[in-house]
Amino acid sequence: MKHLVWAAAAACTLIAACASQQPSSQKLDEMTLQVMKDSFSDKGIATVARLDQDLGQSACSSAEPPSDAVAQKVMAEARASIKPPAGGQYFGDWKAGEKLAQNGRGMTWNDKSADPATNGGNCYNCHQISKAEISYGTIGPTLYQYGKTRGVTDLASPNSQAIVEYTWAKLYNSKTYNACSNMPRFGEKHLLNEAQMRDLMSLLLDPKSPVNAQ
């Protein structure tokens, strides 16, 4: 009987010792990142630096959602990143915006440059936008009749300014309103240029665009 007690005590001691030697969660994250970096190499415009996470990415990669304090900090940083368009010109050509929404090209390793002018918006990958398009994703909410349901009947109307600025901010840095948003940060990450974003703004808000006119 004494041998069994001693054996059990020894086993408990060994388990406790092993547990105390386990690396912390932070250390495990660091080790995992290093393994990933060792497994990849720069190729064209796709560099290993893409593995480095900012606060919003790291906070939302955890098994648990970020605390309210961290989420507020992420959203505050996102708000601070937003730059309004030059001259207060928020709108462009909705027809060009529709082409951008259909285009999923850009930011791959074999692109010659990271120039946003060569990128698409890939909007239909996550959203319904126009009624005519039958192939669209449902990760994000429908954007069909986006401007119409929000009362935008005249792009120049002061009454539309609040939704105009909200939409620009959402396109520029989606984490402004949702710390863990999966939507690309088109402006903050230079995925689209200002002219392209104006075209998408028109697609979403122009009463004459297929989003709102149908």
N, C-alpha and C. Protein backbone atom coordinates (compact mmCIF):
# COMPACT_ATOMS: atom_id res chain seq x y z
N MET A 1 0.83 -1.20 0.00
CA MET A 1 0.00 0.00 0.00
C MET A 1 0.87 1.25 0.00
N LYS A 2 1.93 1.21 0.82
CA LYS A 2 2.82 2.37 0.88
C LYS A 2 3.44 2.65 -0.48
N HIS A 3 3.77 1.55 -1.20
CA HIS A 3 4.37 1.74 -2.53
C HIS A 3 3.42 2.45 -3.49
N LEU A 4 2.14 2.12 -3.38
CA LEU A 4 1.15 2.76 -4.24
C LEU A 4 1.03 4.25 -3.91
N VAL A 5 1.05 4.56 -2.62
CA VAL A 5 0.97 5.97 -2.21
C VAL A 5 2.18 6.74 -2.71
N TRP A 6 3.36 6.13 -2.54
CA TRP A 6 4.59 6.80 -3.01
C TRP A 6 4.55 6.98 -4.53
N ALA A 7 4.07 5.96 -5.23
CA ALA A 7 4.01 6.05 -6.69
C ALA A 7 3.06 7.16 -7.14
N ALA A 8 1.92 7.24 -6.46
CA ALA A 8 0.94 8.27 -6.80
C ALA A 8 1.51 9.66 -6.53
N ALA A 9 2.20 9.79 -5.39
CA ALA A 9 2.79 11.07 -5.04
C ALA A 9 3.86 11.46 -6.05
N ALA A 10 4.65 10.49 -6.47
CA ALA A 10 5.71 10.75 -7.45
C ALA A 10 5.11 11.18 -8.78
N ALA A 11 4.01 10.51 -9.18
CA ALA A 11 3.35 10.86 -10.44
C ALA A 11 2.80 12.27 -10.40
N CYS A 12 2.19 12.64 -9.28
CA CYS A 12 1.66 14.00 -9.14
C CYS A 12 2.77 15.04 -9.21
N THR A 13 3.88 14.73 -8.57
CA THR A 13 5.02 15.65 -8.59
C THR A 13 5.53 15.83 -10.01
N LEU A 14 5.60 14.71 -10.76
CA LEU A 14 6.10 14.76 -12.14
C LEU A 14 5.16 15.57 -13.02
N ILE A 15 3.85 15.33 -12.87
CA ILE A 15 2.86 16.06 -13.66
C ILE A 15 2.94 17.56 -13.37
N ALA A 16 3.06 17.92 -12.09
CA ALA A 16 3.15 19.33 -11.70
C ALA A 16 4.40 19.97 -12.28
N ALA A 17 5.50 19.21 -12.28
CA ALA A 17 6.75 19.74 -12.82
C ALA A 17 6.64 19.97 -14.31
N CYS A 18 6.01 19.01 -15.01
CA CYS A 18 5.85 19.15 -16.46
C CYS A 18 4.94 20.33 -16.79
N ALA A 19 3.86 20.46 -15.98
CA ALA A 19 2.93 21.56 -16.23
C ALA A 19 3.60 22.90 -16.04
N SER A 20 4.47 22.99 -15.04
CA SER A 20 5.14 24.26 -14.76
C SER A 20 6.13 24.64 -15.85
N GLN A 21 6.55 23.65 -16.65
CA GLN A 21 7.52 23.92 -17.69
C GLN A 21 6.86 24.25 -19.03
N GLN A 22 5.52 24.17 -19.09
CA GLN A 22 4.82 24.50 -20.33
C GLN A 22 4.98 25.99 -20.65
N PRO A 23 5.27 26.33 -21.90
CA PRO A 23 5.40 27.74 -22.25
C PRO A 23 4.08 28.48 -22.12
N SER A 24 4.15 29.76 -21.90
CA SER A 24 2.94 30.57 -21.77
C SER A 24 2.25 30.69 -23.13
N SER A 25 1.01 31.15 -23.08
CA SER A 25 0.25 31.34 -24.31
C SER A 25 0.96 32.32 -25.24
N GLN A 26 1.51 33.39 -24.64
CA GLN A 26 2.23 34.39 -25.45
C GLN A 26 3.46 33.77 -26.10
N LYS A 27 4.16 32.93 -25.34
CA LYS A 27 5.36 32.28 -25.88
C LYS A 27 4.99 31.34 -27.02
N LEU A 28 3.90 30.61 -26.84
CA LEU A 28 3.45 29.70 -27.89
C LEU A 28 3.09 30.47 -29.16
N ASP A 29 2.46 31.64 -29.01
CA ASP A 29 2.13 32.47 -30.17
C ASP A 29 3.40 32.91 -30.89
N GLU A 30 4.40 33.32 -30.10
CA GLU A 30 5.66 33.75 -30.68
C GLU A 30 6.35 32.60 -31.42
N MET A 31 6.32 31.42 -30.82
CA MET A 31 6.93 30.25 -31.44
C MET A 31 6.21 29.89 -32.75
N THR A 32 4.88 29.97 -32.71
CA THR A 32 4.09 29.65 -33.91
C THR A 32 4.39 30.62 -35.04
N LEU A 33 4.46 31.91 -34.70
CA LEU A 33 4.77 32.91 -35.71
C LEU A 33 6.14 32.67 -36.32
N GLN A 34 7.10 32.30 -35.48
CA GLN A 34 8.44 32.06 -35.99
C GLN A 34 8.47 30.85 -36.94
N VAL A 35 7.70 29.80 -36.59
CA VAL A 35 7.61 28.64 -37.48
C VAL A 35 7.02 29.04 -38.83
N MET A 36 5.99 29.89 -38.79
CA MET A 36 5.36 30.35 -40.03
C MET A 36 6.33 31.17 -40.86
N LYS A 37 7.07 32.06 -40.20
CA LYS A 37 8.02 32.90 -40.94
C LYS A 37 9.16 32.06 -41.53
N ASP A 38 9.54 31.01 -40.79
CA ASP A 38 10.59 30.14 -41.30
C ASP A 38 10.10 29.29 -42.47
N SER A 39 8.78 29.15 -42.58
CA SER A 39 8.21 28.30 -43.62
C SER A 39 7.90 29.06 -44.90
N PHE A 40 7.94 30.39 -44.85
CA PHE A 40 7.63 31.21 -46.01
C PHE A 40 8.85 32.05 -46.40
N SER A 41 8.82 32.57 -47.59
CA SER A 41 9.87 33.49 -48.03
C SER A 41 9.23 34.54 -48.92
N ASP A 42 9.89 35.68 -49.05
CA ASP A 42 9.38 36.74 -49.92
C ASP A 42 9.27 36.22 -51.35
N LYS A 43 8.17 36.55 -51.99
CA LYS A 43 8.00 36.17 -53.38
C LYS A 43 7.24 37.27 -54.09
N GLY A 44 7.94 38.00 -54.94
CA GLY A 44 7.32 39.15 -55.59
C GLY A 44 6.89 40.18 -54.57
N ILE A 45 5.67 40.67 -54.73
CA ILE A 45 5.17 41.69 -53.80
C ILE A 45 4.64 41.07 -52.51
N ALA A 46 4.53 39.75 -52.45
CA ALA A 46 4.06 39.07 -51.24
C ALA A 46 5.25 38.76 -50.34
N THR A 47 5.42 39.53 -49.29
CA THR A 47 6.56 39.38 -48.40
C THR A 47 6.14 38.75 -47.08
N VAL A 48 7.13 38.25 -46.36
CA VAL A 48 6.87 37.62 -45.07
C VAL A 48 6.27 38.63 -44.08
N ALA A 49 6.47 39.90 -44.32
CA ALA A 49 5.92 40.93 -43.43
C ALA A 49 4.39 40.85 -43.35
N ARG A 50 3.77 40.21 -44.33
CA ARG A 50 2.32 40.07 -44.29
C ARG A 50 1.86 39.21 -43.10
N LEU A 51 2.77 38.47 -42.51
CA LEU A 51 2.43 37.65 -41.35
C LEU A 51 2.38 38.45 -40.06
N ASP A 52 2.96 39.64 -40.07
CA ASP A 52 2.97 40.48 -38.86
C ASP A 52 1.56 41.04 -38.63
N GLN A 53 1.05 40.87 -37.44
CA GLN A 53 -0.30 41.32 -37.13
C GLN A 53 -0.31 42.66 -36.39
N ASP A 54 -1.26 43.50 -36.74
CA ASP A 54 -1.45 44.71 -35.96
C ASP A 54 -2.39 44.38 -34.79
N LEU A 55 -2.73 45.39 -34.00
CA LEU A 55 -3.53 45.15 -32.80
C LEU A 55 -4.86 44.50 -33.13
N GLY A 56 -5.55 45.01 -34.14
CA GLY A 56 -6.86 44.47 -34.49
C GLY A 56 -6.79 43.02 -34.93
N GLN A 57 -5.78 42.67 -35.70
CA GLN A 57 -5.64 41.30 -36.17
C GLN A 57 -5.30 40.34 -35.03
N SER A 58 -4.36 40.75 -34.20
CA SER A 58 -3.97 39.87 -33.10
C SER A 58 -5.10 39.71 -32.09
N ALA A 59 -5.81 40.79 -31.81
CA ALA A 59 -6.90 40.73 -30.82
C ALA A 59 -8.03 39.83 -31.29
N CYS A 60 -8.24 39.78 -32.60
CA CYS A 60 -9.36 39.03 -33.14
C CYS A 60 -8.96 37.64 -33.64
N SER A 61 -7.69 37.26 -33.46
CA SER A 61 -7.22 35.93 -33.84
C SER A 61 -7.29 34.96 -32.68
N SER A 62 -7.59 35.47 -31.51
CA SER A 62 -7.66 34.63 -30.32
C SER A 62 -8.93 33.80 -30.31
N ALA A 63 -8.90 32.72 -29.54
CA ALA A 63 -10.10 31.87 -29.40
C ALA A 63 -11.22 32.62 -28.70
N GLU A 64 -10.86 33.60 -27.91
CA GLU A 64 -11.85 34.41 -27.19
C GLU A 64 -11.92 35.80 -27.82
N PRO A 65 -13.10 36.39 -27.88
CA PRO A 65 -13.21 37.74 -28.42
C PRO A 65 -12.44 38.73 -27.55
N PRO A 66 -12.00 39.84 -28.13
CA PRO A 66 -11.25 40.82 -27.34
C PRO A 66 -12.13 41.45 -26.26
N SER A 67 -11.51 41.91 -25.22
CA SER A 67 -12.25 42.61 -24.17
C SER A 67 -12.81 43.91 -24.73
N ASP A 68 -13.77 44.48 -24.02
CA ASP A 68 -14.36 45.74 -24.48
C ASP A 68 -13.29 46.83 -24.59
N ALA A 69 -12.36 46.84 -23.65
CA ALA A 69 -11.31 47.87 -23.66
C ALA A 69 -10.42 47.74 -24.90
N VAL A 70 -10.04 46.50 -25.23
CA VAL A 70 -9.20 46.28 -26.42
C VAL A 70 -9.98 46.60 -27.68
N ALA A 71 -11.24 46.17 -27.74
CA ALA A 71 -12.07 46.44 -28.92
C ALA A 71 -12.22 47.95 -29.14
N GLN A 72 -12.42 48.69 -28.06
CA GLN A 72 -12.55 50.15 -28.18
C GLN A 72 -11.24 50.77 -28.68
N LYS A 73 -10.13 50.23 -28.24
CA LYS A 73 -8.83 50.74 -28.68
C LYS A 73 -8.63 50.47 -30.17
N VAL A 74 -9.01 49.27 -30.62
CA VAL A 74 -8.90 48.92 -32.04
C VAL A 74 -9.75 49.88 -32.88
N MET A 75 -10.97 50.13 -32.44
CA MET A 75 -11.87 51.01 -33.21
C MET A 75 -11.38 52.45 -33.18
N ALA A 76 -10.81 52.87 -32.07
CA ALA A 76 -10.26 54.23 -31.98
C ALA A 76 -9.09 54.40 -32.94
N GLU A 77 -8.22 53.40 -33.03
CA GLU A 77 -7.10 53.46 -33.96
C GLU A 77 -7.61 53.49 -35.40
N ALA A 78 -8.67 52.73 -35.66
CA ALA A 78 -9.25 52.71 -37.00
C ALA A 78 -9.81 54.08 -37.37
N ARG A 79 -10.54 54.70 -36.44
CA ARG A 79 -11.10 56.04 -36.70
C ARG A 79 -9.99 57.04 -36.99
N ALA A 80 -8.90 56.93 -36.27
CA ALA A 80 -7.80 57.88 -36.45
C ALA A 80 -7.11 57.72 -37.80
N SER A 81 -7.27 56.55 -38.42
CA SER A 81 -6.59 56.29 -39.70
C SER A 81 -7.34 56.87 -40.90
N ILE A 82 -8.61 57.20 -40.70
CA ILE A 82 -9.46 57.60 -41.84
C ILE A 82 -9.08 58.99 -42.35
N LYS A 83 -8.92 59.07 -43.66
CA LYS A 83 -8.65 60.35 -44.33
C LYS A 83 -9.79 60.65 -45.29
N PRO A 84 -10.43 61.81 -45.14
CA PRO A 84 -11.51 62.15 -46.07
C PRO A 84 -10.94 62.39 -47.47
N PRO A 85 -11.75 62.26 -48.49
CA PRO A 85 -11.25 62.45 -49.85
C PRO A 85 -10.85 63.90 -50.11
N ALA A 86 -9.94 64.08 -51.03
CA ALA A 86 -9.45 65.42 -51.37
C ALA A 86 -10.61 66.31 -51.82
N GLY A 87 -10.65 67.51 -51.27
CA GLY A 87 -11.67 68.47 -51.66
C GLY A 87 -13.07 68.08 -51.24
N GLY A 88 -13.20 67.08 -50.36
CA GLY A 88 -14.53 66.66 -49.93
C GLY A 88 -15.33 65.99 -51.03
N GLN A 89 -14.64 65.50 -52.07
CA GLN A 89 -15.32 64.85 -53.19
C GLN A 89 -15.45 63.35 -52.92
N TYR A 90 -16.67 62.94 -52.56
CA TYR A 90 -16.89 61.55 -52.16
C TYR A 90 -17.32 60.64 -53.31
N PHE A 91 -17.69 61.21 -54.45
CA PHE A 91 -18.32 60.40 -55.48
C PHE A 91 -17.58 60.44 -56.81
N GLY A 92 -17.72 59.34 -57.53
CA GLY A 92 -17.09 59.21 -58.84
C GLY A 92 -18.09 58.69 -59.85
N ASP A 93 -17.81 57.53 -60.44
CA ASP A 93 -18.61 56.95 -61.51
C ASP A 93 -19.12 55.57 -61.06
N TRP A 94 -20.42 55.42 -60.92
CA TRP A 94 -20.95 54.15 -60.43
C TRP A 94 -20.68 53.01 -61.40
N LYS A 95 -20.57 53.32 -62.70
CA LYS A 95 -20.28 52.27 -63.68
C LYS A 95 -18.88 51.69 -63.45
N ALA A 96 -17.93 52.57 -63.16
CA ALA A 96 -16.59 52.10 -62.82
C ALA A 96 -16.62 51.35 -61.49
N GLY A 97 -17.49 51.80 -60.58
CA GLY A 97 -17.63 51.13 -59.29
C GLY A 97 -18.16 49.71 -59.44
N GLU A 98 -19.09 49.50 -60.37
CA GLU A 98 -19.63 48.16 -60.61
C GLU A 98 -18.55 47.23 -61.15
N LYS A 99 -17.69 47.74 -62.01
CA LYS A 99 -16.59 46.93 -62.54
C LYS A 99 -15.62 46.56 -61.42
N LEU A 100 -15.37 47.50 -60.52
CA LEU A 100 -14.50 47.22 -59.37
C LEU A 100 -15.12 46.15 -58.47
N ALA A 101 -16.42 46.25 -58.25
CA ALA A 101 -17.10 45.30 -57.38
C ALA A 101 -17.03 43.89 -57.94
N GLN A 102 -16.99 43.77 -59.26
CA GLN A 102 -16.93 42.45 -59.92
C GLN A 102 -15.51 41.91 -59.99
N ASN A 103 -14.53 42.77 -59.80
CA ASN A 103 -13.12 42.41 -60.02
C ASN A 103 -12.45 41.95 -58.73
N GLY A 104 -11.93 40.74 -58.73
CA GLY A 104 -11.26 40.21 -57.54
C GLY A 104 -9.75 40.15 -57.67
N ARG A 105 -9.19 40.79 -58.69
CA ARG A 105 -7.75 40.73 -58.91
C ARG A 105 -6.99 41.65 -57.97
N GLY A 106 -5.71 41.29 -57.75
CA GLY A 106 -4.82 42.19 -57.03
C GLY A 106 -4.13 41.58 -55.83
N MET A 107 -2.94 42.12 -55.52
CA MET A 107 -2.16 41.80 -54.33
C MET A 107 -1.63 40.37 -54.31
N THR A 108 -1.56 39.69 -55.46
CA THR A 108 -0.96 38.36 -55.51
C THR A 108 0.54 38.49 -55.78
N TRP A 109 1.29 37.43 -55.48
CA TRP A 109 2.76 37.51 -55.55
C TRP A 109 3.26 37.83 -56.95
N ASN A 110 2.50 37.40 -57.98
CA ASN A 110 2.99 37.62 -59.34
C ASN A 110 2.51 38.92 -59.97
N ASP A 111 1.81 39.77 -59.19
CA ASP A 111 1.52 41.12 -59.69
C ASP A 111 2.82 41.91 -59.73
N LYS A 112 2.97 42.72 -60.74
CA LYS A 112 4.22 43.45 -60.91
C LYS A 112 4.44 44.50 -59.83
N SER A 113 3.36 45.02 -59.28
CA SER A 113 3.50 46.02 -58.22
C SER A 113 2.28 45.95 -57.32
N ALA A 114 2.36 46.66 -56.20
CA ALA A 114 1.24 46.72 -55.27
C ALA A 114 0.40 47.97 -55.51
N ASP A 115 0.51 48.55 -56.70
CA ASP A 115 -0.25 49.75 -57.05
C ASP A 115 -1.75 49.45 -56.94
N PRO A 116 -2.48 50.14 -56.07
CA PRO A 116 -3.91 49.86 -55.91
C PRO A 116 -4.71 50.05 -57.19
N ALA A 117 -4.20 50.84 -58.13
CA ALA A 117 -4.93 51.07 -59.38
C ALA A 117 -5.14 49.79 -60.17
N THR A 118 -4.33 48.76 -59.86
CA THR A 118 -4.46 47.48 -60.56
C THR A 118 -5.36 46.49 -59.82
N ASN A 119 -5.87 46.88 -58.67
CA ASN A 119 -6.67 45.98 -57.84
C ASN A 119 -8.16 46.13 -58.11
N GLY A 120 -8.91 45.10 -57.74
CA GLY A 120 -10.36 45.17 -57.76
C GLY A 120 -10.89 45.24 -56.34
N GLY A 121 -12.19 45.45 -56.21
CA GLY A 121 -12.79 45.52 -54.89
C GLY A 121 -13.29 44.17 -54.39
N ASN A 122 -13.62 43.27 -55.34
CA ASN A 122 -14.07 41.92 -54.99
C ASN A 122 -15.30 41.95 -54.08
N CYS A 123 -16.16 42.95 -54.24
CA CYS A 123 -17.27 43.16 -53.31
C CYS A 123 -18.30 42.04 -53.36
N TYR A 124 -18.53 41.49 -54.57
CA TYR A 124 -19.55 40.44 -54.69
C TYR A 124 -19.14 39.14 -54.01
N ASN A 125 -17.88 39.05 -53.64
CA ASN A 125 -17.44 37.84 -52.94
C ASN A 125 -18.12 37.69 -51.59
N CYS A 126 -18.55 38.81 -51.01
CA CYS A 126 -19.16 38.79 -49.68
C CYS A 126 -20.56 39.38 -49.62
N HIS A 127 -20.96 40.14 -50.65
CA HIS A 127 -22.23 40.87 -50.58
C HIS A 127 -23.08 40.71 -51.84
N GLN A 128 -24.38 40.73 -51.63
CA GLN A 128 -25.28 41.01 -52.74
C GLN A 128 -25.26 42.52 -52.95
N ILE A 129 -25.16 42.93 -54.22
CA ILE A 129 -25.11 44.37 -54.48
C ILE A 129 -26.21 44.77 -55.46
N SER A 130 -26.14 44.28 -56.70
CA SER A 130 -27.19 44.61 -57.66
C SER A 130 -28.11 43.41 -57.85
N LYS A 131 -29.33 43.68 -58.23
CA LYS A 131 -30.34 42.63 -58.40
C LYS A 131 -29.99 41.71 -59.55
N ALA A 132 -29.31 42.23 -60.56
CA ALA A 132 -28.99 41.45 -61.76
C ALA A 132 -27.95 40.37 -61.50
N GLU A 133 -27.08 40.59 -60.52
CA GLU A 133 -26.01 39.63 -60.23
C GLU A 133 -26.55 38.49 -59.38
N ILE A 134 -26.44 37.25 -59.90
CA ILE A 134 -26.96 36.09 -59.16
C ILE A 134 -25.85 35.33 -58.44
N SER A 135 -24.59 35.68 -58.68
CA SER A 135 -23.47 35.00 -58.03
C SER A 135 -22.82 35.96 -57.04
N TYR A 136 -23.11 35.78 -55.77
CA TYR A 136 -22.55 36.66 -54.75
C TYR A 136 -22.44 35.90 -53.43
N GLY A 137 -21.57 36.40 -52.56
CA GLY A 137 -21.38 35.78 -51.26
C GLY A 137 -22.35 36.31 -50.23
N THR A 138 -22.40 35.63 -49.10
CA THR A 138 -23.32 36.04 -48.04
C THR A 138 -22.59 36.22 -46.70
N ILE A 139 -21.26 36.33 -46.76
CA ILE A 139 -20.50 36.57 -45.52
C ILE A 139 -20.90 37.91 -44.93
N GLY A 140 -21.07 38.91 -45.81
CA GLY A 140 -21.50 40.24 -45.37
C GLY A 140 -22.97 40.45 -45.68
N PRO A 141 -23.57 41.50 -45.14
CA PRO A 141 -24.99 41.78 -45.38
C PRO A 141 -25.24 42.20 -46.82
N THR A 142 -26.47 42.06 -47.27
CA THR A 142 -26.82 42.54 -48.59
C THR A 142 -26.65 44.06 -48.66
N LEU A 143 -26.14 44.53 -49.78
CA LEU A 143 -26.00 45.97 -50.00
C LEU A 143 -26.97 46.45 -51.08
N TYR A 144 -27.84 45.55 -51.54
CA TYR A 144 -28.83 45.92 -52.54
C TYR A 144 -29.75 46.99 -51.96
N GLN A 145 -29.90 48.07 -52.71
CA GLN A 145 -30.71 49.24 -52.32
C GLN A 145 -30.12 49.92 -51.08
N TYR A 146 -28.81 49.85 -50.97
CA TYR A 146 -28.10 50.42 -49.82
C TYR A 146 -28.44 51.90 -49.61
N GLY A 147 -28.31 52.70 -50.66
CA GLY A 147 -28.60 54.12 -50.52
C GLY A 147 -30.08 54.41 -50.38
N LYS A 148 -30.88 53.70 -51.14
CA LYS A 148 -32.32 53.94 -51.14
C LYS A 148 -32.94 53.70 -49.77
N THR A 149 -32.55 52.60 -49.13
CA THR A 149 -33.13 52.29 -47.81
C THR A 149 -32.64 53.24 -46.73
N ARG A 150 -31.59 53.97 -47.03
CA ARG A 150 -31.05 54.93 -46.07
C ARG A 150 -31.45 56.36 -46.41
N GLY A 151 -32.39 56.49 -47.33
CA GLY A 151 -32.97 57.79 -47.63
C GLY A 151 -32.12 58.72 -48.47
N VAL A 152 -31.14 58.18 -49.20
CA VAL A 152 -30.29 59.02 -50.04
C VAL A 152 -30.97 59.19 -51.40
N THR A 153 -31.56 60.33 -51.62
CA THR A 153 -32.23 60.61 -52.89
C THR A 153 -31.48 61.64 -53.72
N ASP A 154 -30.55 62.33 -53.08
CA ASP A 154 -29.76 63.36 -53.76
C ASP A 154 -28.38 63.38 -53.12
N LEU A 155 -27.35 63.06 -53.92
CA LEU A 155 -26.00 62.97 -53.36
C LEU A 155 -25.51 64.30 -52.79
N ALA A 156 -26.07 65.39 -53.28
CA ALA A 156 -25.62 66.71 -52.83
C ALA A 156 -26.39 67.21 -51.60
N SER A 157 -27.38 66.45 -51.17
CA SER A 157 -28.22 66.89 -50.06
C SER A 157 -27.45 66.83 -48.74
N PRO A 158 -27.51 67.90 -47.94
CA PRO A 158 -26.88 67.88 -46.62
C PRO A 158 -27.43 66.77 -45.72
N ASN A 159 -28.68 66.36 -45.99
CA ASN A 159 -29.29 65.31 -45.18
C ASN A 159 -28.62 63.95 -45.40
N SER A 160 -27.88 63.84 -46.50
CA SER A 160 -27.22 62.57 -46.81
C SER A 160 -25.80 62.51 -46.25
N GLN A 161 -25.31 63.61 -45.70
CA GLN A 161 -23.91 63.70 -45.32
C GLN A 161 -23.49 62.66 -44.29
N ALA A 162 -24.36 62.39 -43.33
CA ALA A 162 -24.00 61.44 -42.28
C ALA A 162 -23.78 60.04 -42.85
N ILE A 163 -24.67 59.58 -43.72
CA ILE A 163 -24.51 58.23 -44.29
C ILE A 163 -23.37 58.21 -45.30
N VAL A 164 -23.11 59.33 -45.95
CA VAL A 164 -21.98 59.43 -46.88
C VAL A 164 -20.67 59.24 -46.10
N GLU A 165 -20.52 59.96 -45.00
CA GLU A 165 -19.29 59.87 -44.21
C GLU A 165 -19.16 58.49 -43.56
N TYR A 166 -20.28 57.92 -43.13
CA TYR A 166 -20.25 56.57 -42.56
C TYR A 166 -19.77 55.56 -43.60
N THR A 167 -20.30 55.64 -44.81
CA THR A 167 -19.95 54.69 -45.86
C THR A 167 -18.48 54.83 -46.26
N TRP A 168 -18.01 56.06 -46.34
CA TRP A 168 -16.60 56.28 -46.66
C TRP A 168 -15.71 55.65 -45.58
N ALA A 169 -16.07 55.87 -44.33
CA ALA A 169 -15.28 55.32 -43.23
C ALA A 169 -15.30 53.79 -43.25
N LYS A 170 -16.45 53.22 -43.58
CA LYS A 170 -16.57 51.76 -43.63
C LYS A 170 -15.68 51.19 -44.72
N LEU A 171 -15.62 51.85 -45.87
CA LEU A 171 -14.75 51.39 -46.95
C LEU A 171 -13.28 51.62 -46.60
N TYR A 172 -13.01 52.73 -45.97
CA TYR A 172 -11.63 53.10 -45.67
C TYR A 172 -11.01 52.18 -44.62
N ASN A 173 -11.73 51.98 -43.53
CA ASN A 173 -11.24 51.10 -42.47
C ASN A 173 -12.44 50.54 -41.72
N SER A 174 -12.84 49.33 -42.08
CA SER A 174 -14.07 48.73 -41.55
C SER A 174 -14.02 48.52 -40.04
N LYS A 175 -12.82 48.46 -39.46
CA LYS A 175 -12.70 48.26 -38.02
C LYS A 175 -13.13 49.48 -37.22
N THR A 176 -13.44 50.56 -37.90
CA THR A 176 -13.96 51.75 -37.23
C THR A 176 -15.23 51.43 -36.46
N TYR A 177 -16.05 50.56 -37.00
CA TYR A 177 -17.35 50.25 -36.40
C TYR A 177 -17.44 48.83 -35.85
N ASN A 178 -16.47 48.01 -36.18
CA ASN A 178 -16.47 46.62 -35.71
C ASN A 178 -15.02 46.17 -35.60
N ALA A 179 -14.56 46.02 -34.37
CA ALA A 179 -13.14 45.73 -34.15
C ALA A 179 -12.68 44.47 -34.87
N CYS A 180 -13.57 43.50 -35.01
CA CYS A 180 -13.19 42.22 -35.62
C CYS A 180 -13.81 42.04 -37.00
N SER A 181 -14.10 43.14 -37.68
CA SER A 181 -14.65 43.05 -39.03
C SER A 181 -13.68 42.32 -39.95
N ASN A 182 -14.22 41.46 -40.82
CA ASN A 182 -13.42 40.75 -41.81
C ASN A 182 -13.32 41.50 -43.13
N MET A 183 -13.99 42.63 -43.22
CA MET A 183 -14.00 43.39 -44.47
C MET A 183 -12.62 44.01 -44.72
N PRO A 184 -12.13 43.94 -45.96
CA PRO A 184 -10.83 44.56 -46.25
C PRO A 184 -10.81 46.05 -45.90
N ARG A 185 -9.69 46.51 -45.42
CA ARG A 185 -9.52 47.93 -45.08
C ARG A 185 -8.96 48.63 -46.31
N PHE A 186 -9.84 48.95 -47.25
CA PHE A 186 -9.44 49.38 -48.58
C PHE A 186 -8.57 50.63 -48.59
N GLY A 187 -8.92 51.61 -47.78
CA GLY A 187 -8.15 52.84 -47.76
C GLY A 187 -6.92 52.75 -46.89
N GLU A 188 -7.09 52.27 -45.67
CA GLU A 188 -5.99 52.24 -44.70
C GLU A 188 -4.85 51.33 -45.15
N LYS A 189 -5.18 50.24 -45.84
CA LYS A 189 -4.17 49.30 -46.31
C LYS A 189 -3.77 49.54 -47.77
N HIS A 190 -4.26 50.63 -48.34
CA HIS A 190 -3.92 51.00 -49.73
C HIS A 190 -4.26 49.88 -50.72
N LEU A 191 -5.40 49.24 -50.50
CA LEU A 191 -5.86 48.21 -51.41
C LEU A 191 -6.56 48.83 -52.62
N LEU A 192 -7.18 49.99 -52.40
CA LEU A 192 -7.78 50.77 -53.47
C LEU A 192 -7.32 52.21 -53.31
N ASN A 193 -7.28 52.93 -54.42
CA ASN A 193 -6.92 54.35 -54.31
C ASN A 193 -8.17 55.20 -54.12
N GLU A 194 -7.97 56.47 -53.93
CA GLU A 194 -9.09 57.36 -53.60
C GLU A 194 -10.12 57.40 -54.72
N ALA A 195 -9.67 57.44 -55.97
CA ALA A 195 -10.59 57.48 -57.10
C ALA A 195 -11.46 56.23 -57.16
N GLN A 196 -10.86 55.08 -56.89
CA GLN A 196 -11.62 53.83 -56.89
C GLN A 196 -12.64 53.81 -55.77
N MET A 197 -12.27 54.31 -54.62
CA MET A 197 -13.21 54.36 -53.51
C MET A 197 -14.38 55.29 -53.81
N ARG A 198 -14.12 56.39 -54.50
CA ARG A 198 -15.20 57.28 -54.91
C ARG A 198 -16.17 56.58 -55.86
N ASP A 199 -15.61 55.74 -56.74
CA ASP A 199 -16.46 54.99 -57.66
C ASP A 199 -17.35 54.00 -56.91
N LEU A 200 -16.80 53.34 -55.90
CA LEU A 200 -17.61 52.41 -55.10
C LEU A 200 -18.66 53.17 -54.29
N MET A 201 -18.32 54.35 -53.82
CA MET A 201 -19.29 55.18 -53.10
C MET A 201 -20.48 55.48 -54.00
N SER A 202 -20.21 55.79 -55.25
CA SER A 202 -21.29 56.08 -56.19
C SER A 202 -22.14 54.84 -56.46
N LEU A 203 -21.48 53.70 -56.59
CA LEU A 203 -22.23 52.46 -56.80
C LEU A 203 -23.21 52.23 -55.66
N LEU A 204 -22.77 52.47 -54.43
CA LEU A 204 -23.60 52.21 -53.26
C LEU A 204 -24.67 53.26 -53.01
N LEU A 205 -24.38 54.51 -53.36
CA LEU A 205 -25.27 55.60 -52.94
C LEU A 205 -25.97 56.37 -54.05
N ASP A 206 -25.45 56.33 -55.25
CA ASP A 206 -26.07 57.09 -56.35
C ASP A 206 -27.46 56.51 -56.64
N PRO A 207 -28.51 57.34 -56.60
CA PRO A 207 -29.87 56.85 -56.89
C PRO A 207 -30.01 56.24 -58.28
N LYS A 208 -29.07 56.56 -59.19
CA LYS A 208 -29.16 56.06 -60.56
C LYS A 208 -28.41 54.73 -60.75
N SER A 209 -27.66 54.31 -59.76
CA SER A 209 -26.89 53.08 -59.90
C SER A 209 -27.83 51.86 -59.82
N PRO A 210 -27.40 50.70 -60.34
CA PRO A 210 -28.26 49.51 -60.29
C PRO A 210 -28.52 49.03 -58.86
N VAL A 211 -27.76 49.54 -57.91
CA VAL A 211 -28.00 49.18 -56.52
C VAL A 211 -29.30 49.80 -56.02
N ASN A 212 -29.58 51.02 -56.45
CA ASN A 212 -30.72 51.76 -55.92
C ASN A 212 -31.85 52.02 -56.90
N ALA A 213 -31.55 51.95 -58.19
CA ALA A 213 -32.56 52.33 -59.19
C ALA A 213 -33.57 51.22 -59.46
N GLN A 214 -33.22 49.98 -59.16
CA GLN A 214 -34.12 48.86 -59.50
C GLN A 214 -35.19 48.66 -58.43
